[in-house]
């Protein structure tokens, strides 16, 4: 943890902390984990100890047995943290009471973070008792996941609240998509909303499409009128229960269009001051649908299995978290994984907090020109493909590839990649689009794809 060494220098030696260190050394020894604890110091409610690994003991052995040792010694806090190639154990025998989110937002630490960050996201308490923040504008996207009752939804609510509390609706607007639950409904009166909370797939599709169009408009505006671009508010798209967005979508073309729009926002959204926050319960690579490589900030609450943790963080660890509200954070402003106690607010506190935010920014509203949905679900078009064909920014390039492909007998990902000088992932995405349109055939092993229309006369009129 950053500044852990500074805290160690300020801490005082304490007899109880040294007794705790002896107990830890003996208990780890019962699991054949040989360690030495030095520089033992105590803060007000916890002890910090530097770890020396002995013999064949590795850091992985130490981490793997943390949960068992914590239970055996009945410790409210026991975690290991690396900092500048050094290992530290933070432990406490005292039951620690954490302040709730509304109180945290009134603290000096939040006010300082709000002054230096564009989108201050309060994550919770770090292992030494301080507050952990990250600037969403620097990430630029966030993936948040965990099992049921792990604290994931509360963590997402805390992120939205901490940003909207400190940043004016004139500087940040939210688009909230909540299809699988009601966890985002407390924010329906938030002045930062660019549209009402999205509750259906029809409206979600329209909202995503509008955001992609807005992203392209902003990118063009940055080149033509930099001053006007700088004055635009940042946009934060939040999708809770992200896999539910694709649930019951039987039309492959519709599913691919949803995936392409979200992938486009993840790939290029930061250049248009657009950020994405995705939340999922027990995510897998299959149900997440999109490439997660462009999401640098990851938050994992307790996971049921190691592979869920690997999807969220890129590595295991979240499956060993023992308490609801505990999380692992990976972000660009931290070195390595950080164990954090997530910020918490009761439903009543959250309701009151939203009222406070509304009163604080009275008279200021989000820019409704970005997205303004008034239509009912019955009035919305069910033909998703028409919306995409009319406004998708990638259509021009896709049309170029279509014209190039027609008249050829076969095409392949590698051929598109070489001819158009693009990456493999983009070329593979184009092939999938051509397949969904019926322009190329199904894959047969690693063989090139057959092009179905032999000439322009063979192309269906609607295509």
Protein backbone atom coordinates (compact mmCIF):
# COMPACT_ATOMS: atom_id res chain seq x y z
CA UNK A 1 0.00 0.00 0.00
CA UNK A 2 1.28 3.45 -0.85
CA UNK A 3 2.62 5.33 2.16
CA UNK A 4 2.74 2.13 4.22
CA UNK A 5 6.41 2.69 4.92
CA UNK A 6 5.73 6.23 6.09
CA UNK A 7 3.07 4.86 8.47
CA UNK A 8 5.57 2.29 9.71
CA UNK A 9 8.06 5.03 10.53
CA UNK A 10 5.44 6.97 12.48
CA UNK A 11 4.09 3.98 14.40
CA UNK A 12 5.19 3.07 17.91
CA UNK A 13 6.53 -0.21 19.27
CA UNK A 14 3.95 -2.01 21.34
CA UNK A 15 4.10 -5.10 23.55
CA UNK A 16 0.70 -6.36 22.38
CA UNK A 17 1.82 -6.04 18.77
CA UNK A 18 4.93 -8.12 19.49
CA UNK A 19 2.80 -10.80 21.19
CA UNK A 20 0.57 -10.85 18.13
CA UNK A 21 3.63 -11.25 15.91
CA UNK A 22 4.75 -14.27 17.96
CA UNK A 23 1.30 -15.86 17.62
CA UNK A 24 1.30 -15.29 13.89
CA UNK A 25 4.75 -16.78 13.43
CA UNK A 26 3.78 -19.91 15.37
CA UNK A 27 0.42 -20.34 13.63
CA UNK A 28 1.90 -19.96 10.14
CA UNK A 29 4.55 -22.47 11.17
CA UNK A 30 1.81 -25.08 11.72
CA UNK A 31 1.02 -24.78 8.00
CA UNK A 32 4.72 -25.14 7.09
CA UNK A 33 4.94 -21.45 6.27
CA UNK A 34 8.20 -20.26 7.81
CA UNK A 35 8.40 -16.49 8.29
CA UNK A 36 10.14 -13.93 10.44
CA UNK A 37 8.43 -10.71 11.53
CA UNK A 38 10.50 -7.60 12.21
CA UNK A 39 9.97 -3.84 12.49
CA UNK A 40 6.87 -4.55 14.57
CA UNK A 41 4.93 -1.36 15.24
CA UNK A 42 1.40 -0.46 16.24
CA UNK A 43 -1.01 2.15 14.99
CA UNK A 44 -4.10 3.07 16.97
CA UNK A 45 -6.10 -0.03 16.03
CA UNK A 46 -3.76 -2.38 14.13
CA UNK A 47 -0.17 -3.59 13.93
CA UNK A 48 2.22 -3.45 10.97
CA UNK A 49 5.02 -6.00 10.61
CA UNK A 50 7.64 -6.52 7.93
CA UNK A 51 7.81 -10.10 6.67
CA UNK A 52 10.94 -12.11 5.91
CA UNK A 53 10.33 -15.41 4.12
CA UNK A 54 12.50 -18.27 5.31
CA UNK A 55 13.62 -21.50 3.69
CA UNK A 56 11.50 -22.61 0.75
CA UNK A 57 8.53 -20.44 1.74
CA UNK A 58 7.17 -18.27 -1.05
CA UNK A 59 4.77 -15.34 -1.01
CA UNK A 60 2.08 -17.54 -2.59
CA UNK A 61 2.34 -19.96 0.40
CA UNK A 62 1.87 -17.05 2.80
CA UNK A 63 -1.18 -15.70 0.98
CA UNK A 64 -2.76 -19.12 0.56
CA UNK A 65 -2.89 -19.68 4.33
CA UNK A 66 -3.96 -16.20 5.43
CA UNK A 67 -7.64 -17.12 5.75
CA UNK A 68 -6.96 -20.21 7.88
CA UNK A 69 -4.62 -18.34 10.22
CA UNK A 70 -7.11 -15.49 10.53
CA UNK A 71 -9.83 -17.93 11.61
CA UNK A 72 -7.60 -19.83 14.02
CA UNK A 73 -6.47 -16.68 15.82
CA UNK A 74 -9.93 -15.04 15.50
CA UNK A 75 -8.49 -11.83 14.08
CA UNK A 76 -10.83 -9.17 12.63
CA UNK A 77 -8.00 -8.00 10.35
CA UNK A 78 -5.19 -10.04 8.81
CA UNK A 79 -3.80 -9.29 5.36
CA UNK A 80 -0.49 -9.15 3.55
CA UNK A 81 0.57 -6.21 1.39
CA UNK A 82 3.61 -5.73 -0.85
CA UNK A 83 5.28 -2.36 -1.27
CA UNK A 84 8.54 -1.63 -3.09
CA UNK A 85 9.56 -5.30 -3.15
CA UNK A 86 8.90 -5.65 0.57
CA UNK A 87 6.15 -7.63 2.29
CA UNK A 88 4.11 -6.42 5.24
CA UNK A 89 1.49 -8.07 7.41
CA UNK A 90 -1.25 -5.87 8.85
CA UNK A 91 -3.18 -7.46 11.72
CA UNK A 92 -5.42 -6.52 14.63
CA UNK A 93 -7.13 -8.20 17.56
CA UNK A 94 -9.55 -5.30 17.93
CA UNK A 95 -12.97 -5.25 16.31
CA UNK A 96 -12.87 -2.18 14.05
CA UNK A 97 -15.95 -0.08 13.33
CA UNK A 98 -15.80 1.66 9.96
CA UNK A 99 -17.56 4.95 9.24
CA UNK A 100 -20.33 4.77 6.65
CA UNK A 101 -20.23 6.48 3.25
CA UNK A 102 -22.11 9.73 4.14
CA UNK A 103 -19.60 10.49 6.89
CA UNK A 104 -16.63 9.60 4.68
CA UNK A 105 -17.73 12.15 2.08
CA UNK A 106 -17.53 14.90 4.71
CA UNK A 107 -13.95 14.07 5.71
CA UNK A 108 -10.94 16.17 4.77
CA UNK A 109 -9.39 13.26 2.85
CA UNK A 110 -12.32 13.25 0.41
CA UNK A 111 -12.21 17.03 -0.01
CA UNK A 112 -8.49 16.85 -0.85
CA UNK A 113 -9.08 14.03 -3.32
CA UNK A 114 -11.92 16.01 -4.92
CA UNK A 115 -9.59 18.97 -5.45
CA UNK A 116 -6.95 16.96 -7.31
CA UNK A 117 -9.17 14.46 -9.18
CA UNK A 118 -11.64 15.03 -12.03
CA UNK A 119 -13.82 12.02 -11.11
CA UNK A 120 -13.00 11.11 -7.48
CA UNK A 121 -14.15 7.55 -6.82
CA UNK A 122 -14.08 6.56 -3.14
CA UNK A 123 -13.39 2.82 -2.87
CA UNK A 124 -13.17 2.40 0.92
CA UNK A 125 -10.67 1.98 3.76
CA UNK A 126 -7.20 0.64 2.99
CA UNK A 127 -5.32 -1.84 5.17
CA UNK A 128 -3.80 0.86 7.36
CA UNK A 129 -7.13 2.60 8.00
CA UNK A 130 -6.88 5.47 5.50
CA UNK A 131 -9.24 6.16 2.62
CA UNK A 132 -8.52 4.72 -0.83
CA UNK A 133 -9.46 6.78 -3.90
CA UNK A 134 -9.00 6.47 -7.63
CA UNK A 135 -9.65 8.97 -10.40
CA UNK A 136 -11.98 7.32 -12.92
CA UNK A 137 -10.91 9.83 -15.58
CA UNK A 138 -7.40 8.35 -15.52
CA UNK A 139 -8.41 4.69 -15.66
CA UNK A 140 -10.58 5.27 -17.87
CA UNK A 141 -13.04 2.37 -17.33
CA UNK A 142 -13.98 0.17 -14.36
CA UNK A 143 -15.01 -3.49 -14.07
CA UNK A 144 -16.62 -4.47 -10.78
CA UNK A 145 -17.72 -7.99 -9.83
CA UNK A 146 -18.33 -10.49 -7.06
CA UNK A 147 -20.69 -13.15 -5.85
CA UNK A 148 -24.16 -12.61 -4.38
CA UNK A 149 -24.17 -10.67 -1.07
CA UNK A 150 -20.48 -9.83 -1.44
CA UNK A 151 -21.05 -6.06 -1.39
CA UNK A 152 -20.75 -5.51 -5.16
CA UNK A 153 -23.95 -3.48 -5.52
CA UNK A 154 -23.11 -1.29 -2.54
CA UNK A 155 -19.64 -0.72 -4.02
CA UNK A 156 -21.17 0.42 -7.30
CA UNK A 157 -23.53 2.75 -5.44
CA UNK A 158 -20.60 4.19 -3.48
CA UNK A 159 -18.68 4.89 -6.70
CA UNK A 160 -21.61 6.77 -8.25
CA UNK A 161 -22.32 8.66 -5.03
CA UNK A 162 -18.73 9.75 -4.43
CA UNK A 163 -18.39 11.13 -7.96
CA UNK A 164 -21.75 12.94 -8.03
CA UNK A 165 -21.27 14.35 -4.52
CA UNK A 166 -18.09 16.19 -5.43
CA UNK A 167 -18.55 16.96 -9.13
CA UNK A 168 -21.20 19.27 -10.61
CA UNK A 169 -23.78 18.03 -13.15
CA UNK A 170 -22.20 20.58 -15.49
CA UNK A 171 -18.95 18.57 -15.35
CA UNK A 172 -20.14 14.94 -15.30
CA UNK A 173 -23.30 13.23 -16.57
CA UNK A 174 -24.41 9.64 -15.91
CA UNK A 175 -26.24 7.13 -18.08
CA UNK A 176 -27.43 4.36 -15.73
CA UNK A 177 -28.52 1.00 -17.16
CA UNK A 178 -30.17 -1.32 -14.62
CA UNK A 179 -31.79 -4.35 -16.27
CA UNK A 180 -31.19 -7.17 -13.82
CA UNK A 181 -32.01 -5.57 -10.45
CA UNK A 182 -33.09 -2.31 -8.78
CA UNK A 183 -29.75 -1.27 -7.32
CA UNK A 184 -29.50 1.90 -9.42
CA UNK A 185 -33.08 3.04 -8.91
CA UNK A 186 -32.18 5.15 -5.80
CA UNK A 187 -30.40 7.50 -8.24
CA UNK A 188 -33.47 8.17 -10.42
CA UNK A 189 -33.72 11.76 -9.12
CA UNK A 190 -29.99 12.48 -9.38
CA UNK A 191 -29.43 15.81 -11.20
CA UNK A 192 -26.42 14.28 -13.00
CA UNK A 193 -28.55 11.89 -15.10
CA UNK A 194 -28.42 12.47 -18.86
CA UNK A 195 -31.59 10.37 -19.18
CA UNK A 196 -33.91 8.44 -16.82
CA UNK A 197 -32.53 5.19 -15.42
CA UNK A 198 -32.71 2.67 -18.28
CA UNK A 199 -34.81 -0.38 -17.38
CA UNK A 200 -35.37 -2.25 -20.68
CA UNK A 201 -33.26 -3.69 -23.47
CA UNK A 202 -35.02 -1.55 -26.08
CA UNK A 203 -34.10 1.69 -24.35
CA UNK A 204 -30.63 0.36 -23.48
CA UNK A 205 -29.94 -0.27 -27.15
CA UNK A 206 -31.08 3.24 -28.04
CA UNK A 207 -28.98 4.74 -25.23
CA UNK A 208 -25.84 2.89 -26.27
CA UNK A 209 -26.33 3.87 -29.87
CA UNK A 210 -26.75 7.53 -28.87
CA UNK A 211 -23.56 7.38 -26.81
CA UNK A 212 -21.57 5.97 -29.74
CA UNK A 213 -22.88 8.76 -31.98
CA UNK A 214 -22.04 11.33 -29.29
CA UNK A 215 -18.53 9.88 -29.00
CA UNK A 216 -17.93 10.37 -32.72
CA UNK A 217 -19.35 13.91 -32.55
CA UNK A 218 -17.02 14.75 -29.70
CA UNK A 219 -13.96 13.36 -31.47
CA UNK A 220 -14.72 15.53 -34.51
CA UNK A 221 -15.38 18.53 -32.26
CA UNK A 222 -12.00 18.12 -30.58
CA UNK A 223 -10.35 18.69 -33.94
CA UNK A 224 -12.54 21.57 -35.07
CA UNK A 225 -13.33 23.44 -31.84
CA UNK A 226 -11.06 22.46 -28.96
CA UNK A 227 -12.46 25.12 -26.64
CA UNK A 228 -16.02 23.84 -27.03
CA UNK A 229 -14.83 20.26 -26.58
CA UNK A 230 -13.06 21.11 -23.32
CA UNK A 231 -16.29 22.62 -21.96
CA UNK A 232 -18.28 19.42 -22.53
CA UNK A 233 -19.15 17.35 -19.43
CA UNK A 234 -17.67 13.91 -18.97
CA UNK A 235 -20.06 11.03 -19.56
CA UNK A 236 -20.11 7.94 -17.34
CA UNK A 237 -22.02 4.90 -18.59
CA UNK A 238 -22.90 2.51 -15.75
CA UNK A 239 -24.31 -0.95 -16.56
CA UNK A 240 -25.33 -3.05 -13.57
CA UNK A 241 -25.64 -6.83 -14.07
CA UNK A 242 -23.94 -6.45 -17.44
CA UNK A 243 -24.63 -10.03 -18.70
CA UNK A 244 -28.40 -9.32 -18.35
CA UNK A 245 -28.03 -6.90 -21.27
CA UNK A 246 -27.58 -9.89 -23.58
CA UNK A 247 -30.07 -12.14 -21.81
CA UNK A 248 -32.96 -13.38 -23.98
CA UNK A 249 -31.50 -11.69 -27.09
CA UNK A 250 -32.07 -14.45 -29.62
CA UNK A 251 -31.25 -12.34 -32.67
CA UNK A 252 -27.54 -12.80 -33.34
CA UNK A 253 -27.34 -9.55 -35.25
CA UNK A 254 -28.79 -7.65 -32.30
CA UNK A 255 -26.40 -9.33 -29.87
CA UNK A 256 -23.43 -8.50 -32.10
CA UNK A 257 -24.58 -4.89 -32.42
CA UNK A 258 -24.78 -4.55 -28.63
CA UNK A 259 -21.32 -6.04 -28.27
CA UNK A 260 -19.86 -3.82 -30.99
CA UNK A 261 -21.26 -0.61 -29.49
CA UNK A 262 -19.93 -1.38 -26.00
CA UNK A 263 -16.58 -2.49 -27.42
CA UNK A 264 -16.36 0.77 -29.36
CA UNK A 265 -17.02 2.79 -26.19
CA UNK A 266 -14.38 0.82 -24.30
CA UNK A 267 -11.84 1.22 -27.11
CA UNK A 268 -12.30 4.87 -28.01
CA UNK A 269 -14.57 6.39 -25.37
CA UNK A 270 -11.79 8.02 -23.39
CA UNK A 271 -10.94 10.26 -26.36
CA UNK A 272 -14.50 11.61 -26.19
CA UNK A 273 -14.45 11.99 -22.37
CA UNK A 274 -16.71 8.93 -22.01
CA UNK A 275 -16.09 6.35 -19.30
CA UNK A 276 -17.70 2.95 -18.72
CA UNK A 277 -18.42 1.12 -15.45
CA UNK A 278 -19.53 -2.51 -15.81
CA UNK A 279 -20.78 -4.61 -12.88
CA UNK A 280 -21.41 -8.36 -13.02
CA UNK A 281 -22.17 -11.17 -10.62
CA UNK A 282 -19.80 -14.11 -11.10
CA UNK A 283 -18.57 -12.98 -14.55
CA UNK A 284 -17.06 -15.37 -17.10
CA UNK A 285 -15.40 -14.62 -20.42
CA UNK A 286 -18.44 -16.14 -22.14
CA UNK A 287 -21.17 -14.07 -20.48
CA UNK A 288 -19.21 -10.80 -20.55
CA UNK A 289 -19.17 -10.94 -24.38
CA UNK A 290 -16.76 -7.99 -24.86
CA UNK A 291 -12.97 -7.72 -24.73
CA UNK A 292 -12.09 -6.54 -21.22
CA UNK A 293 -8.52 -5.57 -22.13
CA UNK A 294 -9.33 -1.85 -22.31
CA UNK A 295 -10.61 -1.79 -18.71
CA UNK A 296 -7.64 -1.00 -16.48
CA UNK A 297 -9.43 -0.46 -13.15
CA UNK A 298 -10.77 -3.67 -11.58
CA UNK A 299 -12.62 -4.24 -8.30
CA UNK A 300 -13.31 -7.79 -7.13
CA UNK A 301 -15.42 -8.58 -4.09
CA UNK A 302 -15.60 -12.10 -2.68
CA UNK A 303 -15.91 -14.62 -5.53
CA UNK A 304 -17.31 -18.13 -5.40
CA UNK A 305 -14.57 -19.57 -7.62
CA UNK A 306 -11.04 -18.69 -8.64
CA UNK A 307 -11.92 -18.36 -12.33
CA UNK A 308 -14.39 -15.55 -11.51
CA UNK A 309 -11.58 -13.67 -9.79
CA UNK A 310 -9.33 -14.25 -12.81
CA UNK A 311 -11.93 -12.72 -15.14
CA UNK A 312 -12.27 -9.61 -12.95
CA UNK A 313 -8.67 -9.08 -11.84
CA UNK A 314 -6.68 -11.11 -14.32
CA UNK A 315 -5.50 -13.25 -11.40
CA UNK A 316 -6.84 -15.16 -8.42
CA UNK A 317 -7.22 -13.88 -4.89
CA UNK A 318 -10.82 -12.69 -4.57
CA UNK A 319 -11.97 -16.24 -3.83
CA UNK A 320 -9.98 -16.05 -0.56
CA UNK A 321 -11.75 -12.93 0.74
CA UNK A 322 -13.66 -13.95 3.83
CA UNK A 323 -16.07 -11.10 4.65
CA UNK A 324 -18.79 -9.23 2.79
CA UNK A 325 -17.52 -5.78 1.86
CA UNK A 326 -13.87 -6.80 1.51
CA UNK A 327 -12.47 -6.25 -1.98
CA UNK A 328 -9.33 -6.35 -4.07
CA UNK A 329 -8.52 -3.30 -6.18
CA UNK A 330 -6.29 -3.05 -9.23
CA UNK A 331 -5.84 0.47 -10.61
CA UNK A 332 -3.18 2.53 -12.37
CA UNK A 333 -2.46 4.70 -9.33
CA UNK A 334 -1.64 1.67 -7.15
CA UNK A 335 1.18 -0.85 -7.39
CA UNK A 336 -0.20 -4.38 -7.34
CA UNK A 337 -3.42 -5.61 -5.77
CA UNK A 338 -4.76 -3.63 -2.84
CA UNK A 339 -7.03 -5.17 -0.21
CA UNK A 340 -9.67 -2.67 0.87
CA UNK A 341 -12.73 -2.56 3.09
CA UNK A 342 -15.41 -1.22 0.78
CA UNK A 343 -17.39 1.91 1.64
CA UNK A 344 -20.88 1.08 2.92
CA UNK A 345 -24.22 2.86 3.13
CA UNK A 346 -27.58 1.49 4.25
CA UNK A 347 -30.56 1.94 1.89
CA UNK A 348 -31.87 4.72 4.15
CA UNK A 349 -28.47 6.44 4.19
CA UNK A 350 -28.20 6.18 0.42
CA UNK A 351 -31.64 7.71 -0.05
CA UNK A 352 -30.72 10.58 2.25
CA UNK A 353 -27.38 11.00 0.49
CA UNK A 354 -29.05 11.32 -2.92
CA UNK A 355 -31.35 13.98 -1.46
CA UNK A 356 -28.29 15.81 -0.13
CA UNK A 357 -26.61 15.66 -3.55
CA UNK A 358 -29.79 16.94 -5.22
CA UNK A 359 -30.01 19.84 -2.79
CA UNK A 360 -26.30 20.60 -3.15
CA UNK A 361 -26.54 20.98 -6.93
CA UNK A 362 -30.00 22.58 -6.99
CA UNK A 363 -30.55 24.53 -10.20
CA UNK A 364 -27.98 22.54 -12.15
CA UNK A 365 -28.93 19.65 -14.42
CA UNK A 366 -27.15 17.23 -16.72
CA UNK A 367 -26.86 18.06 -20.41
CA UNK A 368 -29.98 16.41 -21.87
CA UNK A 369 -28.77 17.01 -25.41
CA UNK A 370 -26.54 13.97 -25.08
CA UNK A 371 -29.46 11.61 -24.67
CA UNK A 372 -33.10 12.38 -23.97
CA UNK A 373 -35.47 9.40 -24.07
CA UNK A 374 -39.17 10.14 -23.63
CA UNK A 375 -40.61 7.31 -25.69
CA UNK A 376 -42.35 4.39 -24.03
CA UNK A 377 -41.11 0.88 -24.73
CA UNK A 378 -44.10 0.27 -27.00
CA UNK A 379 -43.19 3.29 -29.15
CA UNK A 380 -39.60 2.20 -29.63
CA UNK A 381 -38.64 0.32 -32.76
CA UNK A 382 -37.99 -3.37 -32.25
CA UNK A 383 -35.89 -3.52 -35.42
CA UNK A 384 -32.48 -2.86 -33.85
CA UNK A 385 -30.59 -3.29 -37.08
CA UNK A 386 -32.22 -0.19 -38.61
CA UNK A 387 -30.86 2.01 -35.82
CA UNK A 388 -27.35 0.67 -36.26
CA UNK A 389 -27.37 0.98 -40.05
CA UNK A 390 -28.45 4.62 -39.82
CA UNK A 391 -25.99 5.87 -37.22
CA UNK A 392 -23.15 3.42 -36.53
CA UNK A 393 -19.78 5.20 -36.96
CA UNK A 394 -18.08 2.01 -38.16
CA UNK A 395 -20.47 1.53 -41.11
CA UNK A 396 -18.28 3.35 -43.61
CA UNK A 397 -15.28 1.12 -42.93
CA UNK A 398 -17.49 -1.98 -42.83
CA UNK A 399 -18.94 -1.02 -46.22
CA UNK A 400 -15.42 -0.68 -47.60
CA UNK A 401 -14.60 -4.19 -46.43
CA UNK A 402 -17.86 -5.50 -47.94
CA UNK A 403 -17.05 -3.97 -51.34
CA UNK A 404 -13.56 -5.43 -51.18
CA UNK A 405 -14.86 -8.90 -50.24
CA UNK A 406 -17.52 -9.20 -52.95
CA UNK A 407 -16.09 -10.88 -56.04
CA UNK A 408 -13.55 -12.87 -54.06
CA UNK A 409 -14.05 -16.56 -53.53
CA UNK A 410 -12.75 -16.64 -49.96
CA UNK A 411 -11.53 -14.22 -47.29
CA UNK A 412 -9.82 -14.67 -43.91
CA UNK A 413 -8.94 -12.67 -40.81
CA UNK A 414 -5.27 -12.56 -41.79
CA UNK A 415 -6.11 -11.36 -45.31
CA UNK A 416 -8.25 -8.49 -43.98
CA UNK A 417 -5.59 -7.65 -41.41
CA UNK A 418 -2.84 -7.37 -44.04
CA UNK A 419 -4.93 -5.59 -46.67
CA UNK A 420 -6.39 -2.90 -44.36
CA UNK A 421 -3.43 -2.61 -41.96
CA UNK A 422 -5.54 -3.25 -38.83
CA UNK A 423 -5.13 -5.43 -35.73
CA UNK A 424 -6.15 -9.07 -35.55
CA UNK A 425 -8.99 -8.42 -33.08
CA UNK A 426 -10.53 -5.75 -35.32
CA UNK A 427 -10.20 -8.00 -38.37
CA UNK A 428 -11.83 -10.90 -36.53
CA UNK A 429 -14.65 -8.59 -35.44
CA UNK A 430 -15.23 -7.57 -39.07
CA UNK A 431 -15.39 -11.21 -40.18
CA UNK A 432 -17.99 -11.90 -37.48
CA UNK A 433 -20.03 -8.93 -38.69
CA UNK A 434 -19.87 -10.16 -42.28
CA UNK A 435 -20.97 -13.61 -41.10
CA UNK A 436 -23.94 -12.19 -39.17
CA UNK A 437 -24.99 -10.29 -42.30
CA UNK A 438 -24.86 -13.46 -44.39
CA UNK A 439 -21.96 -12.22 -46.54
CA UNK A 440 -19.55 -15.03 -45.59
CA UNK A 441 -20.09 -18.61 -44.60
CA UNK A 442 -19.63 -20.44 -41.31
CA UNK A 443 -16.05 -21.27 -40.19
CA UNK A 444 -14.68 -24.70 -41.09
CA UNK A 445 -11.69 -25.28 -38.88
CA UNK A 446 -8.94 -22.79 -39.77
CA UNK A 447 -9.86 -22.65 -43.48
CA UNK A 448 -10.71 -19.28 -45.12
CA UNK A 449 -14.39 -18.25 -45.19
CA UNK A 450 -16.39 -18.59 -48.40
CA UNK A 451 -17.91 -15.37 -49.73
CA UNK A 452 -21.60 -16.04 -50.46
CA UNK A 453 -22.51 -13.33 -53.03
CA UNK A 454 -20.48 -13.79 -56.23
CA UNK A 455 -21.43 -10.36 -57.59
CA UNK A 456 -23.31 -7.20 -56.62
CA UNK A 457 -26.43 -8.56 -58.27
CA UNK A 458 -26.49 -11.39 -55.71
CA UNK A 459 -26.68 -9.03 -52.74
CA UNK A 460 -30.15 -8.86 -51.09
CA UNK A 461 -31.83 -5.47 -51.39
CA UNK A 462 -32.01 -4.87 -47.62
CA UNK A 463 -28.27 -5.48 -47.23
